[in-house]
């Protein structure tokens, strides 16, 4: 009984921490995971008194892993709130900025949050239902991952080409007409992809250092600059007029059941694919999902992205136990904390069972908390000075970057922000900035 109570307690604490990381742009789950990993010895010492109840050090490490996992799941639910109300996405929610902001300007910010929560929770349920079939497909006996490994280079190249070829922007500033503006849009997308790739090759080779002794992930300033600051700076410059928000339950999903289910299903499938293939993110998975299902409205785009995001966070844990490879900062920390036994039988390893309990519980809690927090934001947001709030968010990101990565991190942030302003100015998709990871990985396979 004490074990179950501890699991529930650490899961709840992780969910509330995930609210914090979701609401504060630039504060990523990976940072929390790295901090907890470095503090694990201290946490064991702090909880040593539980030994009288039969709680071992190994189980305390499992509890820390459950905390990290709950933060990760909660984050995928709550990060839609700053995306909607502040226009401050992380790399996984960048594609939802335009549709969510469009709904905000229509006074429907809470509806954007609620349908996003539905997409995320739907992904949790679908991932749980198809858990065993996917295990047989990825691992024994079908060994899909082994087959994928042999063609990984071509898969990554194909995904990169698809991202660029599906770019919808039309560059009309040069006076061209006909099909030329569309080709110019794809040309700008290709330029952005290659530029981000070269930036990634340089940045990933740098050694940043925290002035206060924290773990120093170089991707933190790079991704914050590519995906976070440009939208915030644009919001600060344009001074949008935000109308009073309507706080009412939406009947949109019930009126569009088929489309909503298709969005959640395709998003979940893309999220699972993202959890397997290295170097691609939820934003890329959303492009794949939307390409597969065709054109959709703003609301279906938000549902799809949320499903991709949460399904990926769910399945990176499952994939960890199937192929024994980490695909996120959270699972990398989990792999360092606990024993990861390969899942080869029908019954899953005991450690994975603990984590699965956390996945389901944190997903359920996060759904209801997202609705609650989103409603609170929508209720009071019109009374909050928008410009100082955006300015404060920018300042917070800069401070966090300095604390985690020092002066060199600030330089990386500045360069990344300069690159990230390109898609904002020219209207191309910001997901092309994921060349920062894709190009180095493609070159590695070459």
Protein backbone atom coordinates (compact mmCIF):
# COMPACT_ATOMS: atom_id res chain seq x y z
CA UNK A 1 0.00 0.00 0.00
CA UNK A 2 2.81 2.43 0.84
CA UNK A 3 4.31 1.81 -2.61
CA UNK A 4 1.08 2.76 -4.38
CA UNK A 5 0.62 5.85 -2.22
CA UNK A 6 4.16 6.99 -3.02
CA UNK A 7 3.59 6.42 -6.75
CA UNK A 8 0.41 8.52 -6.65
CA UNK A 9 2.10 11.25 -4.59
CA UNK A 10 5.12 11.57 -6.89
CA UNK A 11 2.84 11.46 -9.91
CA UNK A 12 0.72 14.34 -8.56
CA UNK A 13 3.83 16.37 -7.70
CA UNK A 14 5.16 15.75 -11.21
CA UNK A 15 1.88 16.87 -12.81
CA UNK A 16 1.93 20.17 -10.89
CA UNK A 17 5.59 20.69 -11.84
CA UNK A 18 4.56 20.01 -15.46
CA UNK A 19 2.05 22.85 -15.16
CA UNK A 20 4.94 25.12 -14.22
CA UNK A 21 7.15 23.99 -17.13
CA UNK A 22 4.19 24.22 -19.48
CA UNK A 23 3.29 27.77 -18.45
CA UNK A 24 6.84 29.16 -18.41
CA UNK A 25 8.19 29.40 -21.97
CA UNK A 26 11.80 28.28 -22.16
CA UNK A 27 11.59 26.04 -19.08
CA UNK A 28 11.68 22.57 -20.62
CA UNK A 29 11.07 19.13 -19.19
CA UNK A 30 14.63 18.19 -20.10
CA UNK A 31 15.94 20.82 -17.67
CA UNK A 32 13.85 19.36 -14.84
CA UNK A 33 15.00 15.84 -15.74
CA UNK A 34 18.67 16.84 -15.70
CA UNK A 35 18.29 18.67 -12.37
CA UNK A 36 16.56 15.69 -10.73
CA UNK A 37 19.14 13.30 -12.15
CA UNK A 38 21.92 15.35 -10.58
CA UNK A 39 20.00 15.55 -7.26
CA UNK A 40 19.03 11.86 -7.13
CA UNK A 41 21.62 11.01 -4.45
CA UNK A 42 20.36 13.85 -2.25
CA UNK A 43 16.74 12.76 -2.75
CA UNK A 44 17.62 9.19 -1.70
CA UNK A 45 19.25 10.55 1.46
CA UNK A 46 16.25 12.78 2.14
CA UNK A 47 13.83 9.84 1.86
CA UNK A 48 16.04 7.34 3.69
CA UNK A 49 13.58 7.31 6.60
CA UNK A 50 11.12 5.38 4.41
CA UNK A 51 13.38 2.33 4.76
CA UNK A 52 11.48 1.36 7.92
CA UNK A 53 8.43 0.81 5.68
CA UNK A 54 10.40 -1.41 3.32
CA UNK A 55 11.03 1.30 0.70
CA UNK A 56 14.38 0.56 -0.95
CA UNK A 57 16.79 2.94 -2.68
CA UNK A 58 15.91 1.28 -5.99
CA UNK A 59 12.24 2.10 -5.47
CA UNK A 60 13.06 5.72 -4.62
CA UNK A 61 14.86 5.96 -7.96
CA UNK A 62 11.70 4.59 -9.60
CA UNK A 63 9.72 7.33 -7.84
CA UNK A 64 12.09 9.97 -9.25
CA UNK A 65 11.59 8.45 -12.72
CA UNK A 66 7.81 8.58 -12.18
CA UNK A 67 8.10 12.25 -11.20
CA UNK A 68 10.06 13.06 -14.39
CA UNK A 69 7.60 11.13 -16.55
CA UNK A 70 4.61 12.87 -14.97
CA UNK A 71 6.25 16.25 -15.62
CA UNK A 72 6.73 15.25 -19.25
CA UNK A 73 3.10 14.22 -19.78
CA UNK A 74 1.70 17.22 -17.90
CA UNK A 75 3.91 19.55 -19.94
CA UNK A 76 2.41 18.30 -23.22
CA UNK A 77 -1.06 19.23 -21.94
CA UNK A 78 -0.31 22.62 -20.42
CA UNK A 79 2.15 24.09 -22.94
CA UNK A 80 -0.81 24.98 -25.17
CA UNK A 81 -1.74 27.75 -22.68
CA UNK A 82 1.27 30.06 -23.30
CA UNK A 83 1.14 29.04 -26.97
CA UNK A 84 -2.43 30.33 -27.12
CA UNK A 85 -2.35 33.35 -24.82
CA UNK A 86 1.26 34.53 -25.23
CA UNK A 87 2.29 33.10 -28.58
CA UNK A 88 5.28 31.53 -26.82
CA UNK A 89 5.72 27.96 -28.09
CA UNK A 90 8.45 25.43 -27.51
CA UNK A 91 9.74 23.40 -30.45
CA UNK A 92 6.89 20.90 -30.13
CA UNK A 93 4.02 23.42 -30.27
CA UNK A 94 5.38 25.93 -32.79
CA UNK A 95 2.94 24.86 -35.52
CA UNK A 96 -0.10 25.57 -33.34
CA UNK A 97 0.74 29.25 -32.76
CA UNK A 98 -1.19 30.60 -35.76
CA UNK A 99 -4.45 28.61 -35.30
CA UNK A 100 -4.42 29.05 -31.51
CA UNK A 101 -3.69 32.79 -31.79
CA UNK A 102 -6.42 33.12 -34.42
CA UNK A 103 -8.90 31.63 -31.96
CA UNK A 104 -7.57 33.92 -29.20
CA UNK A 105 -8.22 36.98 -31.35
CA UNK A 106 -11.76 35.68 -31.88
CA UNK A 107 -12.27 35.48 -28.11
CA UNK A 108 -12.03 31.67 -28.18
CA UNK A 109 -8.76 31.13 -26.33
CA UNK A 110 -10.35 28.78 -23.80
CA UNK A 111 -11.90 26.69 -26.59
CA UNK A 112 -8.44 26.31 -28.15
CA UNK A 113 -7.11 25.06 -24.80
CA UNK A 114 -10.04 22.66 -24.24
CA UNK A 115 -9.83 20.99 -27.66
CA UNK A 116 -6.07 20.70 -27.23
CA UNK A 117 -6.62 18.91 -23.92
CA UNK A 118 -9.06 16.59 -25.66
CA UNK A 119 -6.49 15.78 -28.34
CA UNK A 120 -3.85 15.00 -25.73
CA UNK A 121 -6.09 12.83 -23.57
CA UNK A 122 -7.44 11.01 -26.62
CA UNK A 123 -3.84 10.19 -27.56
CA UNK A 124 -3.23 8.76 -24.05
CA UNK A 125 -6.21 6.41 -24.43
CA UNK A 126 -5.34 5.33 -27.98
CA UNK A 127 -1.71 4.68 -27.07
CA UNK A 128 -2.81 2.52 -24.15
CA UNK A 129 -5.24 0.51 -26.29
CA UNK A 130 -2.68 -0.25 -29.03
CA UNK A 131 0.23 -0.74 -26.63
CA UNK A 132 0.58 -4.52 -27.08
CA UNK A 133 0.16 -4.59 -30.91
CA UNK A 134 2.78 -1.85 -31.30
CA UNK A 135 5.13 -3.82 -29.05
CA UNK A 136 4.90 -6.82 -31.43
CA UNK A 137 5.37 -4.58 -34.48
CA UNK A 138 8.42 -2.66 -33.22
CA UNK A 139 10.07 -5.58 -31.41
CA UNK A 140 9.73 -9.32 -31.70
CA UNK A 141 8.46 -10.96 -33.86
CA UNK A 142 8.05 -8.36 -36.66
CA UNK A 143 11.19 -6.34 -35.77
CA UNK A 144 10.05 -3.15 -37.49
CA UNK A 145 12.75 -1.11 -35.77
CA UNK A 146 15.53 -3.34 -37.10
CA UNK A 147 14.18 -2.89 -40.61
CA UNK A 148 13.85 0.85 -40.05
CA UNK A 149 17.46 1.08 -38.86
CA UNK A 150 18.68 -0.25 -42.20
CA UNK A 151 16.89 2.51 -44.12
CA UNK A 152 17.03 5.28 -41.47
CA UNK A 153 19.13 7.58 -43.66
CA UNK A 154 16.58 7.43 -46.48
CA UNK A 155 13.67 7.89 -44.06
CA UNK A 156 15.20 11.06 -42.62
CA UNK A 157 15.97 12.42 -46.10
CA UNK A 158 12.41 11.62 -47.25
CA UNK A 159 10.92 13.37 -44.20
CA UNK A 160 13.10 16.44 -44.85
CA UNK A 161 12.03 16.57 -48.50
CA UNK A 162 8.38 16.13 -47.53
CA UNK A 163 8.61 19.01 -45.03
CA UNK A 164 9.99 21.35 -47.70
CA UNK A 165 7.76 20.13 -50.55
CA UNK A 166 4.58 20.65 -48.50
CA UNK A 167 5.42 24.27 -47.65
CA UNK A 168 2.34 26.38 -48.44
CA UNK A 169 3.86 29.87 -48.20
CA UNK A 170 3.73 32.09 -51.29
CA UNK A 171 6.45 34.76 -51.50
CA UNK A 172 4.84 37.60 -53.47
CA UNK A 173 7.07 40.45 -52.33
CA UNK A 174 9.21 40.25 -55.48
CA UNK A 175 6.28 40.86 -57.81
CA UNK A 176 6.17 37.41 -59.42
CA UNK A 177 2.87 35.75 -60.27
CA UNK A 178 1.64 32.28 -61.13
CA UNK A 179 3.52 29.34 -59.63
CA UNK A 180 6.75 31.24 -58.97
CA UNK A 181 5.70 32.57 -55.50
CA UNK A 182 4.97 28.98 -54.42
CA UNK A 183 8.41 27.83 -55.61
CA UNK A 184 9.97 30.80 -53.82
CA UNK A 185 8.19 29.67 -50.64
CA UNK A 186 9.75 26.22 -50.96
CA UNK A 187 13.09 27.85 -51.76
CA UNK A 188 12.96 29.92 -48.58
CA UNK A 189 12.00 26.76 -46.66
CA UNK A 190 15.03 24.94 -48.09
CA UNK A 191 17.30 27.89 -47.25
CA UNK A 192 15.95 27.98 -43.67
CA UNK A 193 16.40 24.21 -43.30
CA UNK A 194 20.02 24.28 -44.49
CA UNK A 195 20.87 27.42 -42.48
CA UNK A 196 19.45 25.83 -39.33
CA UNK A 197 21.42 22.67 -40.08
CA UNK A 198 24.74 24.52 -40.32
CA UNK A 199 23.86 26.43 -37.17
CA UNK A 200 23.16 23.11 -35.45
CA UNK A 201 26.49 21.65 -36.53
CA UNK A 202 28.29 24.64 -35.00
CA UNK A 203 26.15 24.99 -31.86
CA UNK A 204 26.19 21.29 -30.98
CA UNK A 205 29.96 21.37 -31.06
CA UNK A 206 30.12 24.18 -28.50
CA UNK A 207 30.70 23.61 -24.80
CA UNK A 208 28.48 25.86 -22.69
CA UNK A 209 28.84 26.16 -18.93
CA UNK A 210 26.41 27.30 -16.24
CA UNK A 211 27.76 30.08 -13.99
CA UNK A 212 25.95 28.48 -11.02
CA UNK A 213 26.88 24.86 -11.65
CA UNK A 214 23.69 23.60 -13.35
CA UNK A 215 23.64 21.07 -16.18
CA UNK A 216 24.14 22.97 -19.42
CA UNK A 217 22.18 21.65 -22.43
CA UNK A 218 23.29 23.57 -25.53
CA UNK A 219 19.94 22.90 -27.22
CA UNK A 220 18.15 24.99 -24.58
CA UNK A 221 19.28 28.41 -25.92
CA UNK A 222 19.23 27.16 -29.52
CA UNK A 223 15.63 25.93 -29.46
CA UNK A 224 14.46 28.85 -27.32
CA UNK A 225 15.85 31.23 -29.94
CA UNK A 226 14.53 29.34 -32.96
CA UNK A 227 11.01 28.74 -31.65
CA UNK A 228 10.29 30.89 -28.58
CA UNK A 229 11.67 34.41 -28.80
CA UNK A 230 10.71 35.29 -32.43
CA UNK A 231 6.98 35.02 -31.75
CA UNK A 232 7.32 36.86 -28.46
CA UNK A 233 9.29 39.67 -30.09
CA UNK A 234 6.71 39.91 -32.87
CA UNK A 235 3.91 40.12 -30.30
CA UNK A 236 5.84 42.81 -28.46
CA UNK A 237 6.28 44.84 -31.65
CA UNK A 238 2.79 44.47 -33.11
CA UNK A 239 0.85 45.09 -29.86
CA UNK A 240 -2.21 42.98 -30.77
CA UNK A 241 -5.59 43.91 -29.34
CA UNK A 242 -6.86 40.93 -27.34
CA UNK A 243 -10.66 40.76 -26.96
CA UNK A 244 -12.47 39.53 -23.86
CA UNK A 245 -12.44 35.74 -23.88
CA UNK A 246 -15.58 33.58 -23.97
CA UNK A 247 -15.57 30.97 -21.22
CA UNK A 248 -17.96 28.26 -22.28
CA UNK A 249 -17.76 24.55 -22.95
CA UNK A 250 -17.35 23.77 -26.63
CA UNK A 251 -19.62 21.38 -28.51
CA UNK A 252 -17.23 21.31 -31.48
CA UNK A 253 -15.91 17.73 -30.87
CA UNK A 254 -19.42 16.29 -30.55
CA UNK A 255 -20.48 17.97 -33.80
CA UNK A 256 -17.35 16.77 -35.62
CA UNK A 257 -16.82 13.32 -34.10
CA UNK A 258 -15.41 11.68 -37.22
CA UNK A 259 -12.93 14.46 -37.99
CA UNK A 260 -11.87 14.73 -34.33
CA UNK A 261 -11.31 10.97 -34.01
CA UNK A 262 -9.32 10.96 -37.27
CA UNK A 263 -7.18 13.86 -36.00
CA UNK A 264 -6.46 12.09 -32.71
CA UNK A 265 -5.78 8.75 -34.43
CA UNK A 266 -3.48 10.16 -37.12
CA UNK A 267 -1.76 12.38 -34.54
CA UNK A 268 -1.18 9.43 -32.23
CA UNK A 269 0.27 7.37 -35.08
CA UNK A 270 2.61 10.20 -36.04
CA UNK A 271 3.60 10.65 -32.38
CA UNK A 272 4.52 6.97 -32.14
CA UNK A 273 6.62 7.31 -35.30
CA UNK A 274 8.38 10.36 -33.81
CA UNK A 275 9.17 8.33 -30.67
CA UNK A 276 11.00 5.76 -32.83
CA UNK A 277 12.88 7.87 -35.39
CA UNK A 278 15.79 9.98 -34.03
CA UNK A 279 16.08 13.67 -34.81
CA UNK A 280 12.46 14.49 -35.62
CA UNK A 281 10.08 16.24 -33.25
CA UNK A 282 6.36 16.49 -32.67
CA UNK A 283 6.23 19.42 -35.10
CA UNK A 284 7.57 17.16 -37.85
CA UNK A 285 5.12 14.45 -36.79
CA UNK A 286 2.28 16.94 -37.14
CA UNK A 287 3.31 17.72 -40.71
CA UNK A 288 3.36 13.99 -41.52
CA UNK A 289 -0.04 13.50 -39.88
CA UNK A 290 -1.65 16.48 -41.63
CA UNK A 291 -0.14 15.45 -44.97
CA UNK A 292 -1.65 11.99 -44.50
CA UNK A 293 -5.14 13.21 -43.56
CA UNK A 294 -5.30 16.23 -45.88
CA UNK A 295 -6.50 19.78 -45.26
CA UNK A 296 -8.23 20.60 -41.98
CA UNK A 297 -9.44 23.64 -40.07
CA UNK A 298 -7.61 25.43 -37.25
CA UNK A 299 -9.30 23.39 -34.54
CA UNK A 300 -8.41 20.05 -36.11
CA UNK A 301 -4.82 21.29 -36.49
CA UNK A 302 -4.66 22.00 -32.75
CA UNK A 303 -6.16 18.59 -31.90
CA UNK A 304 -3.71 16.83 -34.22
CA UNK A 305 -0.67 18.61 -32.83
CA UNK A 306 -1.70 17.93 -29.24
CA UNK A 307 -2.21 14.24 -30.02
CA UNK A 308 1.23 14.02 -31.68
CA UNK A 309 2.89 15.78 -28.77
CA UNK A 310 1.36 13.63 -26.03
CA UNK A 311 1.57 10.34 -27.96
CA UNK A 312 5.28 10.96 -28.46
CA UNK A 313 5.80 11.65 -24.73
CA UNK A 314 3.85 8.45 -23.95
CA UNK A 315 5.57 6.15 -26.40
CA UNK A 316 9.18 7.25 -25.92
CA UNK A 317 8.89 5.43 -22.59
CA UNK A 318 7.49 2.28 -24.20
CA UNK A 319 10.08 2.41 -26.98
CA UNK A 320 12.83 2.72 -24.36
CA UNK A 321 11.92 -0.75 -23.06
CA UNK A 322 11.52 -2.25 -26.55
CA UNK A 323 14.64 -1.04 -28.38
CA UNK A 324 16.65 0.10 -25.32
CA UNK A 325 17.30 3.52 -26.87
CA UNK A 326 16.41 6.94 -25.49
CA UNK A 327 14.54 9.41 -27.71
CA UNK A 328 14.10 12.30 -25.24
CA UNK A 329 15.82 14.03 -22.35
CA UNK A 330 13.25 12.58 -19.94
CA UNK A 331 13.87 8.96 -21.02
CA UNK A 332 17.63 9.57 -21.00
CA UNK A 333 17.35 10.52 -17.32
CA UNK A 334 15.06 7.56 -16.63
CA UNK A 335 17.57 5.23 -18.28
CA UNK A 336 20.25 6.56 -15.92
CA UNK A 337 18.03 6.18 -12.85
CA UNK A 338 16.43 2.74 -13.12
CA UNK A 339 17.03 -0.68 -14.63
CA UNK A 340 15.60 -0.82 -18.17
CA UNK A 341 14.91 -4.46 -19.04
CA UNK A 342 14.05 -5.26 -22.65
CA UNK A 343 10.37 -6.07 -23.14
CA UNK A 344 10.44 -9.38 -25.02
CA UNK A 345 7.50 -11.26 -23.48
CA UNK A 346 3.77 -10.57 -23.43
CA UNK A 347 4.00 -9.40 -19.81
CA UNK A 348 5.89 -6.13 -19.47
CA UNK A 349 8.85 -5.60 -17.09
CA UNK A 350 7.87 -4.51 -13.58
CA UNK A 351 9.58 -1.08 -13.92
CA UNK A 352 7.61 -0.38 -17.08
CA UNK A 353 4.42 -1.32 -15.21
CA UNK A 354 5.17 1.35 -12.61
CA UNK A 355 5.79 3.91 -15.34
CA UNK A 356 2.61 2.92 -17.19
CA UNK A 357 0.57 3.62 -14.04
CA UNK A 358 2.17 7.07 -13.94
CA UNK A 359 1.41 7.66 -17.63
CA UNK A 360 -2.28 6.93 -17.23
CA UNK A 361 -2.70 8.78 -13.92
CA UNK A 362 -0.76 11.86 -15.00
CA UNK A 363 -2.66 12.00 -18.29
CA UNK A 364 -6.04 11.89 -16.53
CA UNK A 365 -5.05 14.53 -13.95
CA UNK A 366 -3.52 16.76 -16.61
CA UNK A 367 -6.68 16.74 -18.71
CA UNK A 368 -8.85 18.18 -15.93
CA UNK A 369 -6.15 20.55 -14.67
CA UNK A 370 -5.58 21.92 -18.18
CA UNK A 371 -9.27 22.82 -18.42
CA UNK A 372 -9.13 24.46 -14.99
CA UNK A 373 -5.94 26.45 -15.61
CA UNK A 374 -7.05 27.38 -19.14
CA UNK A 375 -10.36 28.68 -17.84
CA UNK A 376 -8.56 30.78 -15.21
CA UNK A 377 -6.25 32.23 -17.87
CA UNK A 378 -9.16 33.04 -20.16
CA UNK A 379 -11.13 34.66 -17.33
CA UNK A 380 -8.42 37.06 -16.19
CA UNK A 381 -6.23 37.39 -19.28
CA UNK A 382 -8.08 40.41 -20.73
CA UNK A 383 -7.29 42.33 -17.52
CA UNK A 384 -3.58 41.53 -17.62
CA UNK A 385 -1.26 44.08 -19.33
CA UNK A 386 -0.27 42.05 -22.40
CA UNK A 387 2.88 43.91 -23.40
CA UNK A 388 4.56 43.82 -19.93
CA UNK A 389 3.64 40.13 -19.68
CA UNK A 390 5.29 39.33 -23.02
CA UNK A 391 8.30 41.48 -22.11
CA UNK A 392 8.60 39.70 -18.77
CA UNK A 393 8.46 36.34 -20.54
CA UNK A 394 11.31 37.37 -22.86
CA UNK A 395 13.35 38.53 -19.88
CA UNK A 396 12.69 35.24 -18.09
CA UNK A 397 13.94 33.22 -21.07
CA UNK A 398 17.12 35.32 -21.26
CA UNK A 399 17.75 34.89 -17.52
CA UNK A 400 17.16 31.12 -17.67
CA UNK A 401 19.49 30.80 -20.66
CA UNK A 402 22.22 32.67 -18.78
CA UNK A 403 21.75 30.62 -15.61
CA UNK A 404 21.89 27.32 -17.48
CA UNK A 405 24.40 28.08 -20.24
CA UNK A 406 26.27 31.29 -19.37
CA UNK A 407 27.45 34.05 -21.76
CA UNK A 408 28.08 31.61 -24.63
CA UNK A 409 24.51 30.43 -24.28
CA UNK A 410 23.33 34.02 -24.69
CA UNK A 411 25.33 34.26 -27.94
CA UNK A 412 23.71 31.05 -29.19
CA UNK A 413 20.30 32.44 -28.20
CA UNK A 414 20.95 35.64 -30.16
CA UNK A 415 22.02 33.81 -33.33
CA UNK A 416 19.15 31.33 -33.03
CA UNK A 417 16.64 34.16 -32.61
CA UNK A 418 17.99 35.86 -35.73
CA UNK A 419 17.44 32.66 -37.69
CA UNK A 420 14.04 32.12 -36.05
CA UNK A 421 12.86 35.54 -37.27
CA UNK A 422 13.18 34.41 -40.91
CA UNK A 423 10.02 32.25 -40.96
CA UNK A 424 8.13 34.93 -39.02
CA UNK A 425 9.01 37.58 -41.60
CA UNK A 426 8.47 35.43 -44.70
CA UNK A 427 5.56 33.30 -43.54
CA UNK A 428 7.18 29.89 -44.02
CA UNK A 429 6.70 27.12 -41.46
CA UNK A 430 8.96 27.34 -38.46
CA UNK A 431 9.33 23.56 -38.37
CA UNK A 432 12.02 23.88 -41.09
CA UNK A 433 14.27 25.14 -38.29
CA UNK A 434 14.42 21.51 -37.13
CA UNK A 435 17.23 21.23 -39.63
CA UNK A 436 19.26 22.04 -36.51
CA UNK A 437 18.86 18.35 -35.58
CA UNK A 438 17.97 16.64 -38.83
CA UNK A 439 21.01 17.70 -40.88
CA UNK A 440 23.61 16.69 -38.24
CA UNK A 441 21.87 13.31 -37.84
CA UNK A 442 21.69 12.75 -41.61
CA UNK A 443 25.39 13.58 -41.90
CA UNK A 444 26.08 11.15 -39.05
CA UNK A 445 24.34 8.32 -40.94
CA UNK A 446 26.21 9.29 -44.11
